Every structure is written in structure tokens, then in C-alpha cells.
């Protein structure tokens, strides 16, 4: 490509006909902020326009984390304006992943939590190292996973199980995720890249035009869900910086359990 963009938070590499995108913030477990989301979206769109790229892989730097989700350090002092930037960028990334012509493979090298797990959900295929863990963090930290987990995941693992994932914010092993149909393959950590490459080679042997057609027509549920995601995004924007988000993010940064029960207590003021 000419005039190729330079990124700060991600690494972009071409390995033959495969484009690799690595979230490169291991210092914060590859957590995602507005800038990271925006860079990822730009990289996916750029690969989407490259005829010589047949598959795009997304992974995380280091051995511990694929992505820990949203960077909570930004959420303790949040605003509607910051919320618009963050949630617009997140939605743009996941939509780009769904709409580029190439299959997208998530190479899950560690924890895939919150928004990191939604990247896995929105990938076409997902291959995981044995030590990886999956889950959502929304109601535990003062948010909601509206870009895949509260909707698309239910079509993958079943509505009741997806509600469990989103409501209870538990962690699931790679084997549990595989058994549920959440991911496609589990391999030892040392074999992850080689296994991903094998899947890439298999895909590269298929017709690019008919792979694209198969991908776009497989997006029927995503496209049907898009209006609901847009409405939910607007709600998240308006709730940004509210007391429950602030409590969740502050508790995480302070390494304490959040006190969400305070928001259930009746007012002690009879005039309130």
C-alpha cells in the first residue's frame, strides 16, 4: 500500500497472503481505548481493500492476554463526549471486521474479556490456546456488552447460556468455550500460530469471490441486529460517566469489590 498508516497501539504485518493485526499494549493486557479501537478499524479496512490479502488474523501481544477489554482507567472519569468517541469506535471496528471481504480469524493467545471477547464473537473463526479464558465484564464494572455478547453470542451458544455469560460475568476456559461452540479449535499455546496458519492456507485455497459471498450472507443476523446495537450504543453514550459506571471503574482501579447494592437501597429520606 502507498501512504501506509503508522500505528501506535497495534502492529500490522503481511505474511504472504495473510494480514496479521496484533493489539500491542501488553503493559495493560491489551486493553482497548478509543485510539486502539480506531487503529484496529483502520487496519481492518486497509486490509479489506488489498486484493493480495486473503485472510486477516487478529491476536494480542504477549502470552497472557488477547485483550482484557475496555481500558478501565479511562472510565473512572468519563463523560458523554468520551462515551461517544469510545462506543462509536468500538462499533466501527466490529462492523469493519464483519464487512471486509476476507475471513477474519481470532488467534486467542490469552484472556479475552469484555470487549476483547466481543472481538472473538465478531470474528468469522476463532482458534484458542489452551490457557485462554473467555467472558464478559459489563455489569461487574458498570457497562453492558451490547456489540455482540448480549445478542450475537446467544445465536452461537444459546440464549440462556449467553445471558449467564453477560449477567454473571464469569470466566470460561478455552475447552468450555469450545464445547459451547463459542470458538472453533483449542490447541497448546506453542502450536497456536502454526494452527492458525494451517487454517489460513486452507482458506486461501478457496474461491475468494465465493468466500466473500458466503461471509456477507452469513452476516444476516448481524445486519438484523445492527439497529438494536445502534439504539443500545446511544443508551451507553447517555449513561456514560453515571454513578454506576464510575463506581465499577473506580472499584477496579482501586482493587476493591464494587458496591452496586447501594443503588438498590431505598432512600432513607421520606421526602425523596
C-alpha atoms as a PDB file:
ATOM      1  CA  UNK A   1       0.000   0.000   0.000  1.00  0.00           C
ATOM      2  CA  UNK A   2       1.095   3.534  -0.604  1.00  0.00           C
ATOM      3  CA  UNK A   3       0.963   6.107   2.155  1.00  0.00           C
ATOM      4  CA  UNK A   4       0.573   3.358   4.722  1.00  0.00           C
ATOM      5  CA  UNK A   5      -0.687   4.475   8.120  1.00  0.00           C
ATOM      6  CA  UNK A   6       1.612   4.309  11.117  1.00  0.00           C
ATOM      7  CA  UNK A   7       0.047   2.926  14.285  1.00  0.00           C
ATOM      8  CA  UNK A   8       0.914   3.314  17.958  1.00  0.00           C
ATOM      9  CA  UNK A   9      -1.204   0.668  19.683  1.00  0.00           C
ATOM     10  CA  UNK A  10      -1.184  -2.121  17.110  1.00  0.00           C
ATOM     11  CA  UNK A  11       1.245  -3.977  14.859  1.00  0.00           C
ATOM     12  CA  UNK A  12       0.378  -4.766  11.238  1.00  0.00           C
ATOM     13  CA  UNK A  13       2.206  -7.430   9.256  1.00  0.00           C
ATOM     14  CA  UNK A  14       1.782  -9.221   5.945  1.00  0.00           C
ATOM     15  CA  UNK A  15       2.755 -12.870   5.906  1.00  0.00           C
ATOM     16  CA  UNK A  16       2.284 -13.822   2.289  1.00  0.00           C
ATOM     17  CA  UNK A  17      -1.441 -13.530   1.595  1.00  0.00           C
ATOM     18  CA  UNK A  18      -2.364 -13.292   5.288  1.00  0.00           C
ATOM     19  CA  UNK A  19      -2.657  -9.997   7.146  1.00  0.00           C
ATOM     20  CA  UNK A  20      -1.822 -10.123  10.862  1.00  0.00           C
ATOM     21  CA  UNK A  21      -3.032  -7.449  13.269  1.00  0.00           C
ATOM     22  CA  UNK A  22      -1.657  -7.535  16.818  1.00  0.00           C
ATOM     23  CA  UNK A  23      -3.039  -5.475  19.687  1.00  0.00           C
ATOM     24  CA  UNK A  24       0.260  -4.224  21.079  1.00  0.00           C
ATOM     25  CA  UNK A  25      -0.459  -2.946  24.573  1.00  0.00           C
ATOM     26  CA  UNK A  26       0.794  -5.803  26.786  1.00  0.00           C
ATOM     27  CA  UNK A  27       1.543  -3.230  29.517  1.00  0.00           C
ATOM     28  CA  UNK A  28      -2.214  -3.041  30.130  1.00  0.00           C
ATOM     29  CA  UNK A  29      -3.122  -6.577  28.966  1.00  0.00           C
ATOM     30  CA  UNK A  30      -4.037  -5.238  25.525  1.00  0.00           C
ATOM     31  CA  UNK A  31      -6.964  -3.263  26.926  1.00  0.00           C
ATOM     32  CA  UNK A  32      -8.769  -1.116  24.383  1.00  0.00           C
ATOM     33  CA  UNK A  33      -9.427   2.608  24.381  1.00  0.00           C
ATOM     34  CA  UNK A  34     -10.764   4.940  21.679  1.00  0.00           C
ATOM     35  CA  UNK A  35      -7.387   5.175  19.970  1.00  0.00           C
ATOM     36  CA  UNK A  36      -6.847   1.409  19.914  1.00  0.00           C
ATOM     37  CA  UNK A  37     -10.330   0.734  18.567  1.00  0.00           C
ATOM     38  CA  UNK A  38      -9.813   3.379  15.861  1.00  0.00           C
ATOM     39  CA  UNK A  39      -6.437   1.978  14.808  1.00  0.00           C
ATOM     40  CA  UNK A  40      -7.851  -1.556  14.640  1.00  0.00           C
ATOM     41  CA  UNK A  41     -10.772  -0.399  12.498  1.00  0.00           C
ATOM     42  CA  UNK A  42      -8.403   1.427  10.135  1.00  0.00           C
ATOM     43  CA  UNK A  43      -6.147  -1.621   9.808  1.00  0.00           C
ATOM     44  CA  UNK A  44      -9.043  -3.970   9.037  1.00  0.00           C
ATOM     45  CA  UNK A  45     -10.434  -1.589   6.430  1.00  0.00           C
ATOM     46  CA  UNK A  46      -6.992  -1.225   4.839  1.00  0.00           C
ATOM     47  CA  UNK A  47      -6.549  -4.988   4.571  1.00  0.00           C
ATOM     48  CA  UNK A  48     -10.094  -5.233   3.243  1.00  0.00           C
ATOM     49  CA  UNK A  49      -9.038  -3.195   0.198  1.00  0.00           C
ATOM     50  CA  UNK A  50      -5.927  -5.309  -0.507  1.00  0.00           C
ATOM     51  CA  UNK A  51      -6.618  -7.859  -3.213  1.00  0.00           C
ATOM     52  CA  UNK A  52      -3.469  -9.768  -2.283  1.00  0.00           C
ATOM     53  CA  UNK A  53      -4.700 -10.427   1.268  1.00  0.00           C
ATOM     54  CA  UNK A  54      -6.988 -13.446   1.550  1.00  0.00           C
ATOM     55  CA  UNK A  55      -7.335 -13.826   5.333  1.00  0.00           C
ATOM     56  CA  UNK A  56      -6.937 -11.404   8.248  1.00  0.00           C
ATOM     57  CA  UNK A  57      -5.829 -12.605  11.696  1.00  0.00           C
ATOM     58  CA  UNK A  58      -6.182 -10.639  14.927  1.00  0.00           C
ATOM     59  CA  UNK A  59      -4.254 -11.506  18.083  1.00  0.00           C
ATOM     60  CA  UNK A  60      -2.711  -9.906  21.164  1.00  0.00           C
ATOM     61  CA  UNK A  61       0.876  -9.190  22.125  1.00  0.00           C
ATOM     62  CA  UNK A  62       2.434 -11.307  24.857  1.00  0.00           C
ATOM     63  CA  UNK A  63       1.373 -14.639  26.286  1.00  0.00           C
ATOM     64  CA  UNK A  64      -1.179 -13.564  28.895  1.00  0.00           C
ATOM     65  CA  UNK A  65      -3.883 -11.596  27.164  1.00  0.00           C
ATOM     66  CA  UNK A  66      -5.631 -11.427  23.812  1.00  0.00           C
ATOM     67  CA  UNK A  67      -7.457  -8.369  25.137  1.00  0.00           C
ATOM     68  CA  UNK A  68      -8.745  -7.520  28.596  1.00  0.00           C
ATOM     69  CA  UNK A  69     -11.499  -5.370  27.063  1.00  0.00           C
ATOM     70  CA  UNK A  70     -12.083  -1.676  27.603  1.00  0.00           C
ATOM     71  CA  UNK A  71      -9.336   0.277  29.369  1.00  0.00           C
ATOM     72  CA  UNK A  72     -10.990   0.978  32.703  1.00  0.00           C
ATOM     73  CA  UNK A  73      -8.516   3.690  33.618  1.00  0.00           C
ATOM     74  CA  UNK A  74     -10.433   5.903  31.201  1.00  0.00           C
ATOM     75  CA  UNK A  75     -13.846   5.134  32.671  1.00  0.00           C
ATOM     76  CA  UNK A  76     -13.394   6.379  36.224  1.00  0.00           C
ATOM     77  CA  UNK A  77     -13.732   9.989  35.000  1.00  0.00           C
ATOM     78  CA  UNK A  78     -15.919   9.627  31.949  1.00  0.00           C
ATOM     79  CA  UNK A  79     -18.303  11.873  30.031  1.00  0.00           C
ATOM     80  CA  UNK A  80     -20.950  11.698  27.327  1.00  0.00           C
ATOM     81  CA  UNK A  81     -18.451  13.109  24.807  1.00  0.00           C
ATOM     82  CA  UNK A  82     -15.835  10.487  25.704  1.00  0.00           C
ATOM     83  CA  UNK A  83     -18.527   7.812  25.569  1.00  0.00           C
ATOM     84  CA  UNK A  84     -19.477   8.819  22.049  1.00  0.00           C
ATOM     85  CA  UNK A  85     -15.859   8.558  20.889  1.00  0.00           C
ATOM     86  CA  UNK A  86     -15.296   5.186  22.586  1.00  0.00           C
ATOM     87  CA  UNK A  87     -18.521   3.424  21.665  1.00  0.00           C
ATOM     88  CA  UNK A  88     -18.588   4.764  18.098  1.00  0.00           C
ATOM     89  CA  UNK A  89     -15.030   3.478  17.602  1.00  0.00           C
ATOM     90  CA  UNK A  90     -15.856   0.070  19.092  1.00  0.00           C
ATOM     91  CA  UNK A  91     -18.908  -0.320  16.863  1.00  0.00           C
ATOM     92  CA  UNK A  92     -16.908   0.810  13.829  1.00  0.00           C
ATOM     93  CA  UNK A  93     -14.243  -1.832  14.487  1.00  0.00           C
ATOM     94  CA  UNK A  94     -16.650  -4.745  14.884  1.00  0.00           C
ATOM     95  CA  UNK A  95     -18.667  -3.692  11.839  1.00  0.00           C
ATOM     96  CA  UNK A  96     -15.464  -3.452   9.784  1.00  0.00           C
ATOM     97  CA  UNK A  97     -14.500  -6.975  10.842  1.00  0.00           C
ATOM     98  CA  UNK A  98     -17.876  -8.217   9.667  1.00  0.00           C
ATOM     99  CA  UNK A  99     -17.891  -6.355   6.367  1.00  0.00           C
ATOM    100  CA  UNK A 100     -14.407  -6.719   4.916  1.00  0.00           C
ATOM    101  CA  UNK A 101     -14.424  -9.400   2.197  1.00  0.00           C
ATOM    102  CA  UNK A 102     -11.819 -11.654   3.819  1.00  0.00           C
ATOM    103  CA  UNK A 103     -12.475 -14.159   6.611  1.00  0.00           C
ATOM    104  CA  UNK A 104     -11.223 -12.905   9.990  1.00  0.00           C
ATOM    105  CA  UNK A 105      -9.619 -15.352  12.412  1.00  0.00           C
ATOM    106  CA  UNK A 106      -9.140 -14.526  16.094  1.00  0.00           C
ATOM    107  CA  UNK A 107      -5.931 -16.172  17.365  1.00  0.00           C
ATOM    108  CA  UNK A 108      -6.717 -16.097  21.078  1.00  0.00           C
ATOM    109  CA  UNK A 109      -3.424 -16.179  22.950  1.00  0.00           C
ATOM    110  CA  UNK A 110      -4.738 -15.431  26.458  1.00  0.00           C
ATOM    111  CA  UNK A 111      -7.581 -13.720  28.307  1.00  0.00           C
ATOM    112  CA  UNK A 112     -10.383 -12.480  26.018  1.00  0.00           C
ATOM    113  CA  UNK A 113     -12.605 -10.478  28.326  1.00  0.00           C
ATOM    114  CA  UNK A 114     -15.240  -7.795  27.812  1.00  0.00           C
ATOM    115  CA  UNK A 115     -14.661  -6.011  24.518  1.00  0.00           C
ATOM    116  CA  UNK A 116     -11.848  -8.459  23.805  1.00  0.00           C
ATOM    117  CA  UNK A 117     -14.336 -11.304  23.904  1.00  0.00           C
ATOM    118  CA  UNK A 118     -16.684  -9.369  21.631  1.00  0.00           C
ATOM    119  CA  UNK A 119     -13.868  -9.215  19.078  1.00  0.00           C
ATOM    120  CA  UNK A 120     -13.763 -13.025  19.288  1.00  0.00           C
ATOM    121  CA  UNK A 121     -17.550 -13.217  18.892  1.00  0.00           C
ATOM    122  CA  UNK A 122     -17.464 -10.964  15.820  1.00  0.00           C
ATOM    123  CA  UNK A 123     -14.595 -12.827  14.157  1.00  0.00           C
ATOM    124  CA  UNK A 124     -15.535 -15.347  11.490  1.00  0.00           C
ATOM    125  CA  UNK A 125     -13.461 -18.055  13.159  1.00  0.00           C
ATOM    126  CA  UNK A 126     -11.615 -18.342  16.468  1.00  0.00           C
ATOM    127  CA  UNK A 127      -8.700 -20.573  17.432  1.00  0.00           C
ATOM    128  CA  UNK A 128      -7.539 -20.542  21.025  1.00  0.00           C
ATOM    129  CA  UNK A 129      -4.561 -21.515  23.143  1.00  0.00           C
ATOM    130  CA  UNK A 130      -5.422 -23.934  25.952  1.00  0.00           C
ATOM    131  CA  UNK A 131      -4.703 -21.400  28.698  1.00  0.00           C
ATOM    132  CA  UNK A 132      -7.025 -18.705  27.309  1.00  0.00           C
ATOM    133  CA  UNK A 133     -10.088 -17.584  29.223  1.00  0.00           C
ATOM    134  CA  UNK A 134     -13.272 -16.005  27.910  1.00  0.00           C
ATOM    135  CA  UNK A 135     -16.024 -13.894  29.430  1.00  0.00           C
ATOM    136  CA  UNK A 136     -17.785 -10.579  29.794  1.00  0.00           C
ATOM    137  CA  UNK A 137     -17.308  -7.921  32.444  1.00  0.00           C
ATOM    138  CA  UNK A 138     -20.109  -5.422  31.745  1.00  0.00           C
ATOM    139  CA  UNK A 139     -22.453  -5.400  34.772  1.00  0.00           C
ATOM    140  CA  UNK A 140     -19.494  -6.196  37.041  1.00  0.00           C
ATOM    141  CA  UNK A 141     -17.689  -2.971  36.095  1.00  0.00           C
ATOM    142  CA  UNK A 142     -20.595  -0.715  35.153  1.00  0.00           C
ATOM    143  CA  UNK A 143     -21.240  -1.335  31.464  1.00  0.00           C
ATOM    144  CA  UNK A 144     -23.082  -3.681  29.098  1.00  0.00           C
ATOM    145  CA  UNK A 145     -21.691  -5.753  26.186  1.00  0.00           C
ATOM    146  CA  UNK A 146     -24.149  -4.621  23.512  1.00  0.00           C
ATOM    147  CA  UNK A 147     -21.872  -5.156  20.488  1.00  0.00           C
ATOM    148  CA  UNK A 148     -22.070  -8.931  20.256  1.00  0.00           C
ATOM    149  CA  UNK A 149     -22.376 -10.572  23.658  1.00  0.00           C
ATOM    150  CA  UNK A 150     -25.956  -9.599  24.541  1.00  0.00           C
ATOM    151  CA  UNK A 151     -27.210 -10.520  21.076  1.00  0.00           C
ATOM    152  CA  UNK A 152     -24.988 -12.390  18.595  1.00  0.00           C
ATOM    153  CA  UNK A 153     -23.500 -14.695  21.246  1.00  0.00           C
ATOM    154  CA  UNK A 154     -26.973 -16.033  22.009  1.00  0.00           C
ATOM    155  CA  UNK A 155     -27.220 -17.278  18.427  1.00  0.00           C
ATOM    156  CA  UNK A 156     -23.910 -19.079  18.890  1.00  0.00           C
ATOM    157  CA  UNK A 157     -24.156 -20.691  22.330  1.00  0.00           C
ATOM    158  CA  UNK A 158     -27.887 -20.371  23.071  1.00  0.00           C
ATOM    159  CA  UNK A 159     -29.873 -17.582  24.720  1.00  0.00           C
ATOM    160  CA  UNK A 160     -29.839 -18.885  28.299  1.00  0.00           C
ATOM    161  CA  UNK A 161     -26.078 -19.521  28.299  1.00  0.00           C
ATOM    162  CA  UNK A 162     -25.373 -16.140  26.709  1.00  0.00           C
ATOM    163  CA  UNK A 163     -27.456 -14.424  29.384  1.00  0.00           C
ATOM    164  CA  UNK A 164     -25.406 -16.268  32.004  1.00  0.00           C
ATOM    165  CA  UNK A 165     -22.208 -15.016  30.368  1.00  0.00           C
ATOM    166  CA  UNK A 166     -23.443 -11.414  30.206  1.00  0.00           C
ATOM    167  CA  UNK A 167     -25.235 -11.197  33.566  1.00  0.00           C
ATOM    168  CA  UNK A 168     -22.884 -13.125  35.874  1.00  0.00           C
ATOM    169  CA  UNK A 169     -19.556 -12.102  34.304  1.00  0.00           C
ATOM    170  CA  UNK A 170     -17.894 -15.450  34.973  1.00  0.00           C
ATOM    171  CA  UNK A 171     -14.780 -16.719  33.210  1.00  0.00           C
ATOM    172  CA  UNK A 172     -14.816 -19.785  30.957  1.00  0.00           C
ATOM    173  CA  UNK A 173     -11.914 -21.980  29.931  1.00  0.00           C
ATOM    174  CA  UNK A 174     -10.969 -22.467  26.307  1.00  0.00           C
ATOM    175  CA  UNK A 175     -12.288 -26.032  26.459  1.00  0.00           C
ATOM    176  CA  UNK A 176     -15.622 -24.828  27.875  1.00  0.00           C
ATOM    177  CA  UNK A 177     -15.838 -22.212  25.133  1.00  0.00           C
ATOM    178  CA  UNK A 178     -15.100 -24.859  22.503  1.00  0.00           C
ATOM    179  CA  UNK A 179     -17.723 -27.229  23.902  1.00  0.00           C
ATOM    180  CA  UNK A 180     -20.307 -24.431  23.714  1.00  0.00           C
ATOM    181  CA  UNK A 181     -19.465 -23.619  20.083  1.00  0.00           C
ATOM    182  CA  UNK A 182     -18.060 -20.226  21.089  1.00  0.00           C
ATOM    183  CA  UNK A 183     -14.715 -20.971  19.359  1.00  0.00           C
ATOM    184  CA  UNK A 184     -13.587 -23.401  16.660  1.00  0.00           C
ATOM    185  CA  UNK A 185     -10.410 -25.043  17.968  1.00  0.00           C
ATOM    186  CA  UNK A 186      -8.228 -25.343  21.074  1.00  0.00           C
ATOM    187  CA  UNK A 187      -4.501 -26.082  20.810  1.00  0.00           C
ATOM    188  CA  UNK A 188      -1.439 -25.906  23.081  1.00  0.00           C
ATOM    189  CA  UNK A 189      -0.075 -22.371  23.291  1.00  0.00           C
ATOM    190  CA  UNK A 190       3.087 -23.275  21.392  1.00  0.00           C
ATOM    191  CA  UNK A 191       1.031 -24.511  18.436  1.00  0.00           C
ATOM    192  CA  UNK A 192      -1.369 -21.569  18.128  1.00  0.00           C
ATOM    193  CA  UNK A 193       0.296 -19.643  15.292  1.00  0.00           C
ATOM    194  CA  UNK A 194       1.021 -22.802  13.304  1.00  0.00           C
ATOM    195  CA  UNK A 195      -2.593 -23.966  13.644  1.00  0.00           C
ATOM    196  CA  UNK A 196      -3.901 -20.549  12.611  1.00  0.00           C
ATOM    197  CA  UNK A 197      -1.609 -20.617   9.593  1.00  0.00           C
ATOM    198  CA  UNK A 198      -2.948 -24.048   8.615  1.00  0.00           C
ATOM    199  CA  UNK A 199      -6.484 -22.685   8.654  1.00  0.00           C
ATOM    200  CA  UNK A 200      -5.339 -19.672   6.635  1.00  0.00           C
ATOM    201  CA  UNK A 201      -3.733 -21.906   3.986  1.00  0.00           C
ATOM    202  CA  UNK A 202      -6.922 -23.913   3.737  1.00  0.00           C
ATOM    203  CA  UNK A 203      -8.960 -20.737   3.262  1.00  0.00           C
ATOM    204  CA  UNK A 204      -6.520 -19.355   0.678  1.00  0.00           C
ATOM    205  CA  UNK A 205      -7.219 -22.410  -1.475  1.00  0.00           C
ATOM    206  CA  UNK A 206     -10.895 -21.442  -1.686  1.00  0.00           C
ATOM    207  CA  UNK A 207     -12.530 -19.092  -4.210  1.00  0.00           C
ATOM    208  CA  UNK A 208     -12.175 -15.505  -2.890  1.00  0.00           C
ATOM    209  CA  UNK A 209     -15.387 -14.351  -4.583  1.00  0.00           C
ATOM    210  CA  UNK A 210     -17.461 -17.167  -3.149  1.00  0.00           C
ATOM    211  CA  UNK A 211     -15.820 -16.884   0.278  1.00  0.00           C
ATOM    212  CA  UNK A 212     -16.855 -13.231   0.295  1.00  0.00           C
ATOM    213  CA  UNK A 213     -20.398 -14.143  -0.736  1.00  0.00           C
ATOM    214  CA  UNK A 214     -20.518 -16.793   1.977  1.00  0.00           C
ATOM    215  CA  UNK A 215     -19.257 -14.309   4.562  1.00  0.00           C
ATOM    216  CA  UNK A 216     -21.644 -11.500   3.651  1.00  0.00           C
ATOM    217  CA  UNK A 217     -24.687 -13.787   3.539  1.00  0.00           C
ATOM    218  CA  UNK A 218     -23.615 -15.296   6.883  1.00  0.00           C
ATOM    219  CA  UNK A 219     -23.911 -11.785   8.317  1.00  0.00           C
ATOM    220  CA  UNK A 220     -27.713 -11.847   8.130  1.00  0.00           C
ATOM    221  CA  UNK A 221     -28.119 -11.866  11.919  1.00  0.00           C
ATOM    222  CA  UNK A 222     -25.503  -9.141  12.416  1.00  0.00           C
ATOM    223  CA  UNK A 223     -27.277  -6.889   9.930  1.00  0.00           C
ATOM    224  CA  UNK A 224     -30.648  -7.561  11.540  1.00  0.00           C
ATOM    225  CA  UNK A 225     -29.174  -6.753  14.947  1.00  0.00           C
ATOM    226  CA  UNK A 226     -27.492  -3.532  13.807  1.00  0.00           C
ATOM    227  CA  UNK A 227     -30.440  -1.190  14.573  1.00  0.00           C
ATOM    228  CA  UNK A 228     -30.734  -2.623  18.103  1.00  0.00           C
ATOM    229  CA  UNK A 229     -26.985  -2.186  18.588  1.00  0.00           C
ATOM    230  CA  UNK A 230     -27.244   1.428  17.471  1.00  0.00           C
ATOM    231  CA  UNK A 231     -30.041   2.090  19.954  1.00  0.00           C
ATOM    232  CA  UNK A 232     -28.075   0.366  22.738  1.00  0.00           C
ATOM    233  CA  UNK A 233     -24.997   2.404  21.813  1.00  0.00           C
ATOM    234  CA  UNK A 234     -26.954   5.619  22.221  1.00  0.00           C
ATOM    235  CA  UNK A 235     -28.078   4.448  25.654  1.00  0.00           C
ATOM    236  CA  UNK A 236     -24.483   3.683  26.631  1.00  0.00           C
ATOM    237  CA  UNK A 237     -23.417   7.139  25.469  1.00  0.00           C
ATOM    238  CA  UNK A 238     -26.108   8.829  27.558  1.00  0.00           C
ATOM    239  CA  UNK A 239     -25.253   6.707  30.614  1.00  0.00           C
ATOM    240  CA  UNK A 240     -21.515   7.418  30.267  1.00  0.00           C
ATOM    241  CA  UNK A 241     -19.997   8.869  33.404  1.00  0.00           C
ATOM    242  CA  UNK A 242     -23.015   7.921  35.504  1.00  0.00           C
ATOM    243  CA  UNK A 243     -22.683   6.783  39.115  1.00  0.00           C
ATOM    244  CA  UNK A 244     -22.774   3.060  38.400  1.00  0.00           C
ATOM    245  CA  UNK A 245     -20.093   3.218  35.691  1.00  0.00           C
ATOM    246  CA  UNK A 246     -17.968   5.411  37.946  1.00  0.00           C
ATOM    247  CA  UNK A 247     -18.341   3.008  40.874  1.00  0.00           C
ATOM    248  CA  UNK A 248     -17.448  -0.022  38.745  1.00  0.00           C
ATOM    249  CA  UNK A 249     -14.403   1.517  37.112  1.00  0.00           C
ATOM    250  CA  UNK A 250     -13.175   3.127  40.346  1.00  0.00           C
ATOM    251  CA  UNK A 251     -13.516  -0.140  42.244  1.00  0.00           C
ATOM    252  CA  UNK A 252     -11.497  -1.958  39.592  1.00  0.00           C
ATOM    253  CA  UNK A 253      -8.716   0.618  39.645  1.00  0.00           C
ATOM    254  CA  UNK A 254      -8.710   0.604  43.456  1.00  0.00           C
ATOM    255  CA  UNK A 255      -8.678  -3.223  43.541  1.00  0.00           C
ATOM    256  CA  UNK A 256     -11.823  -3.490  45.617  1.00  0.00           C
ATOM    257  CA  UNK A 257     -15.234  -5.056  45.154  1.00  0.00           C
ATOM    258  CA  UNK A 258     -17.722  -2.548  43.712  1.00  0.00           C
ATOM    259  CA  UNK A 259     -20.721  -1.665  45.851  1.00  0.00           C
ATOM    260  CA  UNK A 260     -23.584  -1.828  43.377  1.00  0.00           C
ATOM    261  CA  UNK A 261     -26.032  -2.736  46.126  1.00  0.00           C
ATOM    262  CA  UNK A 262     -26.055   0.905  47.145  1.00  0.00           C
ATOM    263  CA  UNK A 263     -28.052   1.617  44.003  1.00  0.00           C
ATOM    264  CA  UNK A 264     -30.747  -0.846  45.120  1.00  0.00           C
ATOM    265  CA  UNK A 265     -31.277   0.619  48.580  1.00  0.00           C
ATOM    266  CA  UNK A 266     -34.351   2.715  49.171  1.00  0.00           C
ATOM    267  CA  UNK A 267     -33.776   6.317  50.121  1.00  0.00           C
ATOM    268  CA  UNK A 268     -33.716   6.964  53.845  1.00  0.00           C
ATOM    269  CA  UNK A 269     -35.217  10.406  53.227  1.00  0.00           C
ATOM    270  CA  UNK A 270     -39.036  10.068  53.306  1.00  0.00           C
ATOM    271  CA  UNK A 271     -39.313  13.283  51.304  1.00  0.00           C
ATOM    272  CA  UNK A 272     -37.131  11.895  48.498  1.00  0.00           C
END
